[in-house]
Amino acid sequence: MAYVTGNRNTSLTLGNRLGEIFKDMSEAYSAWRVYHRTLHELRGLSNRELNDLGLNPTMLRGIAHDAAYGKRG
């Protein structure tokens, strides 16, 4: 019979952990807002303006994602 033992030795109190959770949620919400704001602004451009920037409409979601969450892979 196998036993798993583990001691979780964490120095975080409940208040600290809740603070970190709130901070993480706040950062995620901020990134989400940047994504949607960027996407909205890009979708407001005409096809001519997009062409002038070297973009096409299929690229907009990826550009907004990179703006909010950083470059992918």
PDB file of N, CA and C in Angstrom:
ATOM      1  N   MET A   1       0.840  -1.162   0.000  1.00  0.00           N
ATOM      2  CA  MET A   1       0.000   0.000   0.000  1.00  0.00           C
ATOM      3  C   MET A   1       0.896   1.240   0.000  1.00  0.00           C
ATOM      4  N   ALA A   2       0.546   2.207  -0.835  1.00  0.00           N
ATOM      5  CA  ALA A   2       1.352   3.422  -0.953  1.00  0.00           C
ATOM      6  C   ALA A   2       0.641   4.566  -0.235  1.00  0.00           C
ATOM      7  N   TYR A   3       1.451   5.368   0.370  1.00  0.00           N
ATOM      8  CA  TYR A   3       0.940   6.551   1.059  1.00  0.00           C
ATOM      9  C   TYR A   3       1.605   7.780   0.472  1.00  0.00           C
ATOM     10  N   VAL A   4       0.817   8.789   0.347  1.00  0.00           N
ATOM     11  CA  VAL A   4       1.366  10.061  -0.110  1.00  0.00           C
ATOM     12  C   VAL A   4       1.278  11.018   1.055  1.00  0.00           C
ATOM     13  N   THR A   5       2.400  11.545   1.387  1.00  0.00           N
ATOM     14  CA  THR A   5       2.402  12.544   2.444  1.00  0.00           C
ATOM     15  C   THR A   5       2.935  13.832   1.873  1.00  0.00           C
ATOM     16  N   GLY A   6       2.407  14.869   2.338  1.00  0.00           N
ATOM     17  CA  GLY A   6       2.877  16.167   1.884  1.00  0.00           C
ATOM     18  C   GLY A   6       2.508  17.214   2.910  1.00  0.00           C
ATOM     19  N   ASN A   7       3.420  18.048   3.150  1.00  0.00           N
ATOM     20  CA  ASN A   7       3.173  19.173   4.041  1.00  0.00           C
ATOM     21  C   ASN A   7       3.177  20.431   3.202  1.00  0.00           C
ATOM     22  N   ARG A   8       2.096  21.090   3.242  1.00  0.00           N
ATOM     23  CA  ARG A   8       2.008  22.345   2.518  1.00  0.00           C
ATOM     24  C   ARG A   8       2.485  23.425   3.457  1.00  0.00           C
ATOM     25  N   ASN A   9       3.663  23.859   3.220  1.00  0.00           N
ATOM     26  CA  ASN A   9       4.260  24.863   4.069  1.00  0.00           C
ATOM     27  C   ASN A   9       4.215  26.192   3.338  1.00  0.00           C
ATOM     28  N   THR A  10       3.178  26.914   3.544  1.00  0.00           N
ATOM     29  CA  THR A  10       3.033  28.180   2.846  1.00  0.00           C
ATOM     30  C   THR A  10       2.973  29.303   3.861  1.00  0.00           C
ATOM     31  N   SER A  11       3.579  30.380   3.504  1.00  0.00           N
ATOM     32  CA  SER A  11       3.601  31.510   4.412  1.00  0.00           C
ATOM     33  C   SER A  11       2.482  32.503   4.113  1.00  0.00           C
ATOM     34  N   LEU A  12       1.645  32.182   3.153  1.00  0.00           N
ATOM     35  CA  LEU A  12       0.559  33.086   2.803  1.00  0.00           C
ATOM     36  C   LEU A  12      -0.620  32.899   3.750  1.00  0.00           C
ATOM     37  N   THR A  13      -1.062  33.985   4.278  1.00  0.00           N
ATOM     38  CA  THR A  13      -2.268  33.946   5.097  1.00  0.00           C
ATOM     39  C   THR A  13      -3.475  34.007   4.162  1.00  0.00           C
ATOM     40  N   LEU A  14      -4.628  33.772   4.713  1.00  0.00           N
ATOM     41  CA  LEU A  14      -5.843  33.840   3.912  1.00  0.00           C
ATOM     42  C   LEU A  14      -5.999  35.222   3.300  1.00  0.00           C
ATOM     43  N   GLY A  15      -5.722  36.239   4.061  1.00  0.00           N
ATOM     44  CA  GLY A  15      -5.829  37.612   3.546  1.00  0.00           C
ATOM     45  C   GLY A  15      -4.867  37.867   2.404  1.00  0.00           C
ATOM     46  N   ASN A  16      -3.633  37.370   2.546  1.00  0.00           N
ATOM     47  CA  ASN A  16      -2.651  37.544   1.473  1.00  0.00           C
ATOM     48  C   ASN A  16      -3.073  36.794   0.224  1.00  0.00           C
ATOM     49  N   ARG A  17      -3.564  35.575   0.406  1.00  0.00           N
ATOM     50  CA  ARG A  17      -3.993  34.775  -0.739  1.00  0.00           C
ATOM     51  C   ARG A  17      -5.165  35.422  -1.456  1.00  0.00           C
ATOM     52  N   LEU A  18      -6.137  35.910  -0.684  1.00  0.00           N
ATOM     53  CA  LEU A  18      -7.275  36.608  -1.293  1.00  0.00           C
ATOM     54  C   LEU A  18      -6.809  37.862  -2.015  1.00  0.00           C
ATOM     55  N   GLY A  19      -5.832  38.544  -1.458  1.00  0.00           N
ATOM     56  CA  GLY A  19      -5.273  39.726  -2.111  1.00  0.00           C
ATOM     57  C   GLY A  19      -4.631  39.371  -3.440  1.00  0.00           C
ATOM     58  N   GLU A  20      -3.913  38.258  -3.479  1.00  0.00           N
ATOM     59  CA  GLU A  20      -3.293  37.816  -4.730  1.00  0.00           C
ATOM     60  C   GLU A  20      -4.335  37.407  -5.764  1.00  0.00           C
ATOM     61  N   ILE A  21      -5.375  36.734  -5.305  1.00  0.00           N
ATOM     62  CA  ILE A  21      -6.459  36.345  -6.220  1.00  0.00           C
ATOM     63  C   ILE A  21      -7.111  37.579  -6.809  1.00  0.00           C
ATOM     64  N   PHE A  22      -7.378  38.576  -5.973  1.00  0.00           N
ATOM     65  CA  PHE A  22      -7.988  39.815  -6.447  1.00  0.00           C
ATOM     66  C   PHE A  22      -7.065  40.518  -7.436  1.00  0.00           C
ATOM     67  N   LYS A  23      -5.759  40.543  -7.149  1.00  0.00           N
ATOM     68  CA  LYS A  23      -4.795  41.178  -8.043  1.00  0.00           C
ATOM     69  C   LYS A  23      -4.775  40.464  -9.393  1.00  0.00           C
ATOM     70  N   ASP A  24      -4.759  39.135  -9.372  1.00  0.00           N
ATOM     71  CA  ASP A  24      -4.767  38.356 -10.616  1.00  0.00           C
ATOM     72  C   ASP A  24      -6.035  38.617 -11.426  1.00  0.00           C
ATOM     73  N   MET A  25      -7.170  38.674 -10.749  1.00  0.00           N
ATOM     74  CA  MET A  25      -8.434  38.943 -11.437  1.00  0.00           C
ATOM     75  C   MET A  25      -8.433  40.349 -12.024  1.00  0.00           C
ATOM     76  N   SER A  26      -7.886  41.294 -11.294  1.00  0.00           N
ATOM     77  CA  SER A  26      -7.821  42.669 -11.769  1.00  0.00           C
ATOM     78  C   SER A  26      -6.937  42.775 -13.010  1.00  0.00           C
ATOM     79  N   GLU A  27      -5.802  42.094 -12.996  1.00  0.00           N
ATOM     80  CA  GLU A  27      -4.912  42.106 -14.153  1.00  0.00           C
ATOM     81  C   GLU A  27      -5.567  41.437 -15.364  1.00  0.00           C
ATOM     82  N   ALA A  28      -6.271  40.342 -15.140  1.00  0.00           N
ATOM     83  CA  ALA A  28      -6.955  39.652 -16.232  1.00  0.00           C
ATOM     84  C   ALA A  28      -8.046  40.541 -16.822  1.00  0.00           C
ATOM     85  N   TYR A  29      -8.774  41.237 -15.979  1.00  0.00           N
ATOM     86  CA  TYR A  29      -9.832  42.130 -16.451  1.00  0.00           C
ATOM     87  C   TYR A  29      -9.235  43.298 -17.235  1.00  0.00           C
ATOM     88  N   SER A  30      -8.114  43.829 -16.763  1.00  0.00           N
ATOM     89  CA  SER A  30      -7.466  44.923 -17.479  1.00  0.00           C
ATOM     90  C   SER A  30      -7.014  44.481 -18.862  1.00  0.00           C
ATOM     91  N   ALA A  31      -6.440  43.290 -18.961  1.00  0.00           N
ATOM     92  CA  ALA A  31      -6.006  42.769 -20.259  1.00  0.00           C
ATOM     93  C   ALA A  31      -7.207  42.541 -21.170  1.00  0.00           C
ATOM     94  N   TRP A  32      -8.290  42.029 -20.613  1.00  0.00           N
ATOM     95  CA  TRP A  32      -9.510  41.807 -21.388  1.00  0.00           C
ATOM     96  C   TRP A  32     -10.027  43.124 -21.956  1.00  0.00           C
ATOM     97  N   ARG A  33      -9.978  44.186 -21.133  1.00  0.00           N
ATOM     98  CA  ARG A  33     -10.441  45.496 -21.590  1.00  0.00           C
ATOM     99  C   ARG A  33      -9.554  46.035 -22.696  1.00  0.00           C
ATOM    100  N   VAL A  34      -8.230  45.855 -22.571  1.00  0.00           N
ATOM    101  CA  VAL A  34      -7.310  46.300 -23.629  1.00  0.00           C
ATOM    102  C   VAL A  34      -7.630  45.569 -24.930  1.00  0.00           C
ATOM    103  N   TYR A  35      -7.862  44.267 -24.841  1.00  0.00           N
ATOM    104  CA  TYR A  35      -8.203  43.470 -26.028  1.00  0.00           C
ATOM    105  C   TYR A  35      -9.441  44.042 -26.711  1.00  0.00           C
ATOM    106  N   HIS A  36     -10.508  44.227 -25.950  1.00  0.00           N
ATOM    107  CA  HIS A  36     -11.758  44.678 -26.550  1.00  0.00           C
ATOM    108  C   HIS A  36     -11.684  46.124 -27.041  1.00  0.00           C
ATOM    109  N   ARG A  37     -10.982  46.981 -26.324  1.00  0.00           N
ATOM    110  CA  ARG A  37     -10.833  48.361 -26.770  1.00  0.00           C
ATOM    111  C   ARG A  37     -10.029  48.409 -28.072  1.00  0.00           C
ATOM    112  N   THR A  38      -8.945  47.653 -28.137  1.00  0.00           N
ATOM    113  CA  THR A  38      -8.115  47.628 -29.339  1.00  0.00           C
ATOM    114  C   THR A  38      -8.899  47.075 -30.521  1.00  0.00           C
ATOM    115  N   LEU A  39      -9.605  45.987 -30.296  1.00  0.00           N
ATOM    116  CA  LEU A  39     -10.400  45.385 -31.367  1.00  0.00           C
ATOM    117  C   LEU A  39     -11.474  46.350 -31.866  1.00  0.00           C
ATOM    118  N   HIS A  40     -12.125  47.028 -30.948  1.00  0.00           N
ATOM    119  CA  HIS A  40     -13.163  47.993 -31.329  1.00  0.00           C
ATOM    120  C   HIS A  40     -12.574  49.122 -32.170  1.00  0.00           C
ATOM    121  N   GLU A  41     -11.423  49.636 -31.767  1.00  0.00           N
ATOM    122  CA  GLU A  41     -10.798  50.723 -32.517  1.00  0.00           C
ATOM    123  C   GLU A  41     -10.344  50.251 -33.895  1.00  0.00           C
ATOM    124  N   LEU A  42      -9.765  49.064 -33.970  1.00  0.00           N
ATOM    125  CA  LEU A  42      -9.326  48.549 -35.262  1.00  0.00           C
ATOM    126  C   LEU A  42     -10.507  48.287 -36.194  1.00  0.00           C
ATOM    127  N   ARG A  43     -11.592  47.778 -35.642  1.00  0.00           N
ATOM    128  CA  ARG A  43     -12.779  47.529 -36.469  1.00  0.00           C
ATOM    129  C   ARG A  43     -13.429  48.815 -36.945  1.00  0.00           C
ATOM    130  N   GLY A  44     -13.115  49.927 -36.308  1.00  0.00           N
ATOM    131  CA  GLY A  44     -13.642  51.217 -36.721  1.00  0.00           C
ATOM    132  C   GLY A  44     -12.912  51.816 -37.912  1.00  0.00           C
ATOM    133  N   LEU A  45     -11.782  51.219 -38.287  1.00  0.00           N
ATOM    134  CA  LEU A  45     -11.026  51.719 -39.432  1.00  0.00           C
ATOM    135  C   LEU A  45     -11.633  51.196 -40.725  1.00  0.00           C
ATOM    136  N   SER A  46     -11.525  52.000 -41.755  1.00  0.00           N
ATOM    137  CA  SER A  46     -12.021  51.569 -43.069  1.00  0.00           C
ATOM    138  C   SER A  46     -11.017  50.593 -43.684  1.00  0.00           C
ATOM    139  N   ASN A  47     -11.468  49.908 -44.734  1.00  0.00           N
ATOM    140  CA  ASN A  47     -10.565  48.987 -45.429  1.00  0.00           C
ATOM    141  C   ASN A  47      -9.364  49.731 -46.001  1.00  0.00           C
ATOM    142  N   ARG A  48      -9.575  50.940 -46.464  1.00  0.00           N
ATOM    143  CA  ARG A  48      -8.464  51.726 -46.996  1.00  0.00           C
ATOM    144  C   ARG A  48      -7.456  52.045 -45.904  1.00  0.00           C
ATOM    145  N   GLU A  49      -7.948  52.447 -44.728  1.00  0.00           N
ATOM    146  CA  GLU A  49      -7.043  52.740 -43.614  1.00  0.00           C
ATOM    147  C   GLU A  49      -6.285  51.485 -43.185  1.00  0.00           C
ATOM    148  N   LEU A  50      -6.971  50.349 -43.151  1.00  0.00           N
ATOM    149  CA  LEU A  50      -6.301  49.094 -42.817  1.00  0.00           C
ATOM    150  C   LEU A  50      -5.227  48.757 -43.846  1.00  0.00           C
ATOM    151  N   ASN A  51      -5.548  48.943 -45.121  1.00  0.00           N
ATOM    152  CA  ASN A  51      -4.563  48.687 -46.170  1.00  0.00           C
ATOM    153  C   ASN A  51      -3.354  49.603 -46.035  1.00  0.00           C
ATOM    154  N   ASP A  52      -3.597  50.855 -45.684  1.00  0.00           N
ATOM    155  CA  ASP A  52      -2.486  51.789 -45.486  1.00  0.00           C
ATOM    156  C   ASP A  52      -1.557  51.329 -44.365  1.00  0.00           C
ATOM    157  N   LEU A  53      -2.125  50.651 -43.374  1.00  0.00           N
ATOM    158  CA  LEU A  53      -1.327  50.132 -42.255  1.00  0.00           C
ATOM    159  C   LEU A  53      -0.747  48.754 -42.556  1.00  0.00           C
ATOM    160  N   GLY A  54      -1.083  48.202 -43.702  1.00  0.00           N
ATOM    161  CA  GLY A  54      -0.599  46.875 -44.067  1.00  0.00           C
ATOM    162  C   GLY A  54      -1.361  45.760 -43.373  1.00  0.00           C
ATOM    163  N   LEU A  55      -2.623  46.042 -43.053  1.00  0.00           N
ATOM    164  CA  LEU A  55      -3.449  45.071 -42.331  1.00  0.00           C
ATOM    165  C   LEU A  55      -4.643  44.671 -43.175  1.00  0.00           C
ATOM    166  N   ASN A  56      -5.217  43.538 -42.841  1.00  0.00           N
ATOM    167  CA  ASN A  56      -6.496  43.168 -43.421  1.00  0.00           C
ATOM    168  C   ASN A  56      -7.419  42.743 -42.283  1.00  0.00           C
ATOM    169  N   PRO A  57      -8.713  42.730 -42.522  1.00  0.00           N
ATOM    170  CA  PRO A  57      -9.671  42.474 -41.439  1.00  0.00           C
ATOM    171  C   PRO A  57      -9.470  41.145 -40.710  1.00  0.00           C
ATOM    172  N   THR A  58      -8.909  40.150 -41.356  1.00  0.00           N
ATOM    173  CA  THR A  58      -8.712  38.863 -40.684  1.00  0.00           C
ATOM    174  C   THR A  58      -7.611  38.905 -39.645  1.00  0.00           C
ATOM    175  N   MET A  59      -6.800  39.947 -39.649  1.00  0.00           N
ATOM    176  CA  MET A  59      -5.678  40.056 -38.713  1.00  0.00           C
ATOM    177  C   MET A  59      -6.050  40.761 -37.411  1.00  0.00           C
ATOM    178  N   LEU A  60      -7.213  41.388 -37.364  1.00  0.00           N
ATOM    179  CA  LEU A  60      -7.535  42.296 -36.262  1.00  0.00           C
ATOM    180  C   LEU A  60      -7.591  41.604 -34.907  1.00  0.00           C
ATOM    181  N   ARG A  61      -8.203  40.429 -34.839  1.00  0.00           N
ATOM    182  CA  ARG A  61      -8.300  39.727 -33.547  1.00  0.00           C
ATOM    183  C   ARG A  61      -6.916  39.348 -33.025  1.00  0.00           C
ATOM    184  N   GLY A  62      -6.045  38.903 -33.901  1.00  0.00           N
ATOM    185  CA  GLY A  62      -4.690  38.543 -33.500  1.00  0.00           C
ATOM    186  C   GLY A  62      -3.901  39.743 -33.011  1.00  0.00           C
ATOM    187  N   ILE A  63      -4.067  40.866 -33.683  1.00  0.00           N
ATOM    188  CA  ILE A  63      -3.368  42.087 -33.271  1.00  0.00           C
ATOM    189  C   ILE A  63      -3.873  42.547 -31.910  1.00  0.00           C
ATOM    190  N   ALA A  64      -5.178  42.504 -31.710  1.00  0.00           N
ATOM    191  CA  ALA A  64      -5.741  42.900 -30.418  1.00  0.00           C
ATOM    192  C   ALA A  64      -5.278  41.947 -29.320  1.00  0.00           C
ATOM    193  N   HIS A  65      -5.212  40.668 -29.620  1.00  0.00           N
ATOM    194  CA  HIS A  65      -4.743  39.681 -28.641  1.00  0.00           C
ATOM    195  C   HIS A  65      -3.295  39.962 -28.264  1.00  0.00           C
ATOM    196  N   ASP A  66      -2.449  40.225 -29.253  1.00  0.00           N
ATOM    197  CA  ASP A  66      -1.044  40.522 -28.978  1.00  0.00           C
ATOM    198  C   ASP A  66      -0.903  41.804 -28.157  1.00  0.00           C
ATOM    199  N   ALA A  67      -1.750  42.786 -28.433  1.00  0.00           N
ATOM    200  CA  ALA A  67      -1.684  44.043 -27.679  1.00  0.00           C
ATOM    201  C   ALA A  67      -2.031  43.827 -26.211  1.00  0.00           C
ATOM    202  N   ALA A  68      -2.988  42.957 -25.960  1.00  0.00           N
ATOM    203  CA  ALA A  68      -3.457  42.754 -24.592  1.00  0.00           C
ATOM    204  C   ALA A  68      -2.622  41.741 -23.823  1.00  0.00           C
ATOM    205  N   TYR A  69      -2.224  40.658 -24.465  1.00  0.00           N
ATOM    206  CA  TYR A  69      -1.603  39.534 -23.758  1.00  0.00           C
ATOM    207  C   TYR A  69      -0.160  39.277 -24.138  1.00  0.00           C
ATOM    208  N   GLY A  70       0.364  40.038 -25.068  1.00  0.00           N
ATOM    209  CA  GLY A  70       1.732  39.850 -25.509  1.00  0.00           C
ATOM    210  C   GLY A  70       1.798  38.972 -26.735  1.00  0.00           C
ATOM    211  N   LYS A  71       2.965  38.966 -27.344  1.00  0.00           N
ATOM    212  CA  LYS A  71       3.156  38.190 -28.571  1.00  0.00           C
ATOM    213  C   LYS A  71       3.034  36.708 -28.298  1.00  0.00           C
ATOM    214  N   ARG A  72       2.440  36.021 -29.241  1.00  0.00           N
ATOM    215  CA  ARG A  72       2.310  34.569 -29.134  1.00  0.00           C
ATOM    216  C   ARG A  72       3.550  33.900 -29.674  1.00  0.00           C
ATOM    217  N   GLY A  73       3.804  32.723 -29.154  1.00  0.00           N
ATOM    218  CA  GLY A  73       4.777  31.809 -29.456  1.00  0.00           C
ATOM    219  C   GLY A  73       5.874  31.870 -30.337  1.00  0.00           C
TER     220      GLY A  73
END
